[in-house]
Amino acid sequence: MIIINSFDEYKSLEGQMIGDSDWHTIDQEQIDRFADATLDHQWIHIDQEKAQKEGPFQSTIAHGYLTLSLIPYLWKQIADVRNVKMEINYGIENLKFGAAVLVNSDVKLQATVRSVTDLRGTVKAVVEAKLLIRDCTKPAYTGDVVFLYHFL
């Protein structure tokens, strides 16, 4: 894990791939809980029998938004940004889904710092987030996550 204490430390990481999170298994229970939380009960996510017989993957798959919702959890395994009074998830730019995440797949986040800008005291960090799937050549997604930080 990398520790970032200030704007200058963050800025020095521009252009660098700074690390990977641990592997995280997305199981059916997590998919079902996400379906309940978001009211998205599409059969391809929750009906294991139908997905196996009729689905294009012969398996249920994680919601795309479930995989995106893991960014804060997985990011915290890569970078510990300290000395901040506030951190805001500001957005995701240029997001492309590349591969479905089948139930019981292991995924991990790979992060590259694209840019760090001081906007009159608010630090805007753009981090390329790539969700890798174990034993899959294509990532689940790639996109630029935008964080805003207010350092002390």
Protein backbone atom coordinates (compact mmCIF):
# COMPACT_ATOMS: atom_id res chain seq x y z
CA MET A 1 0.00 0.00 0.00
CA ILE A 2 1.17 3.50 -0.81
CA ILE A 3 0.78 6.31 1.72
CA ILE A 4 0.00 9.79 0.42
CA ASN A 5 0.36 12.64 2.94
CA SER A 6 0.08 15.76 0.79
CA PHE A 7 -0.63 17.30 -2.58
CA ASP A 8 3.07 17.20 -3.46
CA GLU A 9 3.34 13.48 -2.67
CA TYR A 10 0.24 12.77 -4.74
CA LYS A 11 1.53 14.94 -7.60
CA SER A 12 4.81 12.99 -7.67
CA LEU A 13 2.83 9.84 -8.56
CA GLU A 14 1.41 11.20 -11.83
CA GLY A 15 1.75 8.70 -14.64
CA GLN A 16 2.58 5.81 -12.32
CA MET A 17 0.75 2.53 -11.83
CA ILE A 18 0.73 2.57 -8.04
CA GLY A 19 -0.59 -0.88 -7.26
CA ASP A 20 -3.22 -3.57 -7.11
CA SER A 21 -5.75 -4.35 -4.42
CA ASP A 22 -6.18 -7.80 -2.95
CA TRP A 23 -8.38 -10.27 -4.81
CA HIS A 24 -12.08 -10.10 -3.90
CA THR A 25 -14.53 -12.91 -4.70
CA ILE A 26 -17.97 -11.82 -5.90
CA ASP A 27 -20.32 -14.58 -4.78
CA GLN A 28 -24.04 -15.07 -5.34
CA GLU A 29 -24.91 -13.74 -1.89
CA GLN A 30 -23.22 -10.42 -2.69
CA ILE A 31 -24.97 -10.26 -6.08
CA ASP A 32 -28.34 -10.99 -4.45
CA ARG A 33 -27.80 -8.34 -1.76
CA PHE A 34 -26.88 -5.81 -4.44
CA ALA A 35 -29.99 -6.73 -6.43
CA ASP A 36 -32.11 -6.13 -3.33
CA ALA A 37 -30.40 -2.82 -2.55
CA THR A 38 -30.79 -1.48 -6.10
CA LEU A 39 -34.10 -3.18 -7.00
CA ASP A 40 -32.37 -4.66 -10.06
CA HIS A 41 -33.56 -8.28 -10.04
CA GLN A 42 -32.83 -9.10 -13.67
CA TRP A 43 -32.66 -12.89 -14.01
CA ILE A 44 -29.13 -12.86 -15.47
CA HIS A 45 -27.96 -11.75 -12.02
CA ILE A 46 -30.13 -13.72 -9.60
CA ASP A 47 -31.68 -16.79 -11.28
CA GLN A 48 -28.87 -19.34 -11.26
CA GLU A 49 -30.89 -22.08 -12.93
CA LYS A 50 -32.18 -19.92 -15.78
CA ALA A 51 -28.77 -18.30 -16.26
CA GLN A 52 -27.15 -21.72 -16.55
CA LYS A 53 -29.71 -22.97 -19.09
CA GLU A 54 -30.51 -19.85 -21.09
CA GLY A 55 -27.87 -17.25 -20.32
CA PRO A 56 -24.99 -16.34 -22.60
CA PHE A 57 -22.46 -17.13 -19.83
CA GLN A 58 -24.04 -20.32 -18.39
CA SER A 59 -23.78 -18.55 -15.04
CA THR A 60 -25.16 -15.56 -13.23
CA ILE A 61 -23.08 -12.42 -13.53
CA ALA A 62 -22.42 -9.48 -11.23
CA HIS A 63 -24.19 -6.23 -11.95
CA GLY A 64 -21.89 -3.75 -13.66
CA TYR A 65 -22.74 -1.22 -10.99
CA LEU A 66 -21.88 -3.73 -8.28
CA THR A 67 -18.38 -3.99 -9.70
CA LEU A 68 -18.14 -0.18 -9.77
CA SER A 69 -19.35 0.06 -6.18
CA LEU A 70 -16.27 -1.89 -5.10
CA ILE A 71 -13.94 0.96 -6.13
CA PRO A 72 -13.83 2.73 -2.72
CA TYR A 73 -13.23 -0.56 -0.87
CA LEU A 74 -10.53 -1.77 -3.25
CA TRP A 75 -8.93 1.70 -3.62
CA LYS A 76 -8.37 1.84 0.16
CA GLN A 77 -6.23 -1.31 -0.20
CA ILE A 78 -3.99 0.45 -2.73
CA ALA A 79 -3.64 3.96 -1.32
CA ASP A 80 -3.93 5.47 2.13
CA VAL A 81 -4.49 9.19 1.58
CA ARG A 82 -3.78 10.88 4.90
CA ASN A 83 -4.07 14.37 6.32
CA VAL A 84 -7.40 15.05 4.65
CA LYS A 85 -10.42 16.62 6.26
CA MET A 86 -12.67 15.49 3.43
CA GLU A 87 -12.56 13.11 0.47
CA ILE A 88 -15.25 13.13 -2.21
CA ASN A 89 -15.93 10.56 -4.92
CA TYR A 90 -16.53 13.10 -7.69
CA GLY A 91 -17.14 10.95 -10.75
CA ILE A 92 -16.01 8.41 -13.29
CA GLU A 93 -14.97 9.42 -16.79
CA ASN A 94 -14.40 7.37 -19.93
CA LEU A 95 -15.81 4.20 -18.40
CA LYS A 96 -15.92 1.11 -20.60
CA PHE A 97 -17.11 -2.33 -19.52
CA GLY A 98 -14.95 -4.99 -21.16
CA ALA A 99 -15.98 -8.34 -19.72
CA ALA A 100 -18.77 -9.81 -17.61
CA VAL A 101 -17.89 -10.86 -14.07
CA LEU A 102 -19.26 -14.35 -13.52
CA VAL A 103 -20.42 -15.41 -10.09
CA ASN A 104 -17.56 -16.60 -7.85
CA SER A 105 -14.99 -14.70 -9.91
CA ASP A 106 -12.05 -13.08 -8.20
CA VAL A 107 -11.50 -9.42 -9.08
CA LYS A 108 -8.91 -6.83 -8.11
CA LEU A 109 -8.44 -3.16 -8.80
CA GLN A 110 -5.33 -1.83 -10.52
CA ALA A 111 -4.74 1.91 -10.15
CA THR A 112 -2.67 4.37 -12.18
CA VAL A 113 -2.51 8.04 -11.20
CA ARG A 114 -3.31 10.02 -14.35
CA SER A 115 -3.29 13.57 -13.00
CA VAL A 116 -3.28 15.56 -9.78
CA THR A 117 -4.32 19.21 -9.83
CA ASP A 118 -4.62 21.83 -7.11
CA LEU A 119 -7.86 23.74 -7.67
CA ARG A 120 -7.32 26.58 -5.16
CA GLY A 121 -7.03 24.26 -2.18
CA THR A 122 -9.10 21.36 -3.43
CA VAL A 123 -6.99 18.58 -4.90
CA LYS A 124 -8.47 16.82 -7.90
CA ALA A 125 -6.95 13.39 -8.51
CA VAL A 126 -7.81 11.39 -11.62
CA VAL A 127 -6.97 7.71 -11.20
CA GLU A 128 -7.31 5.12 -13.93
CA ALA A 129 -9.20 2.23 -12.35
CA LYS A 130 -8.96 -1.12 -14.06
CA LEU A 131 -10.91 -4.04 -12.59
CA LEU A 132 -9.05 -7.24 -13.42
CA ILE A 133 -10.70 -10.67 -13.39
CA ARG A 134 -8.56 -13.64 -12.41
CA ASP A 135 -7.73 -15.82 -15.45
CA CYS A 136 -9.39 -13.39 -17.88
CA THR A 137 -7.44 -11.40 -20.45
CA LYS A 138 -9.93 -8.53 -20.63
CA PRO A 139 -10.67 -6.29 -17.65
CA ALA A 140 -14.22 -6.02 -16.34
CA TYR A 141 -13.91 -2.26 -16.87
CA THR A 142 -11.52 0.60 -17.27
CA GLY A 143 -12.33 4.17 -16.36
CA ASP A 144 -10.92 7.31 -14.79
CA VAL A 145 -12.13 7.79 -11.22
CA VAL A 146 -12.10 11.39 -10.02
CA PHE A 147 -11.49 12.08 -6.34
CA LEU A 148 -11.54 15.46 -4.62
CA TYR A 149 -9.47 15.93 -1.47
CA HIS A 150 -9.25 18.71 1.06
CA PHE A 151 -5.84 18.27 2.71
CA LEU A 152 -5.29 19.70 6.20
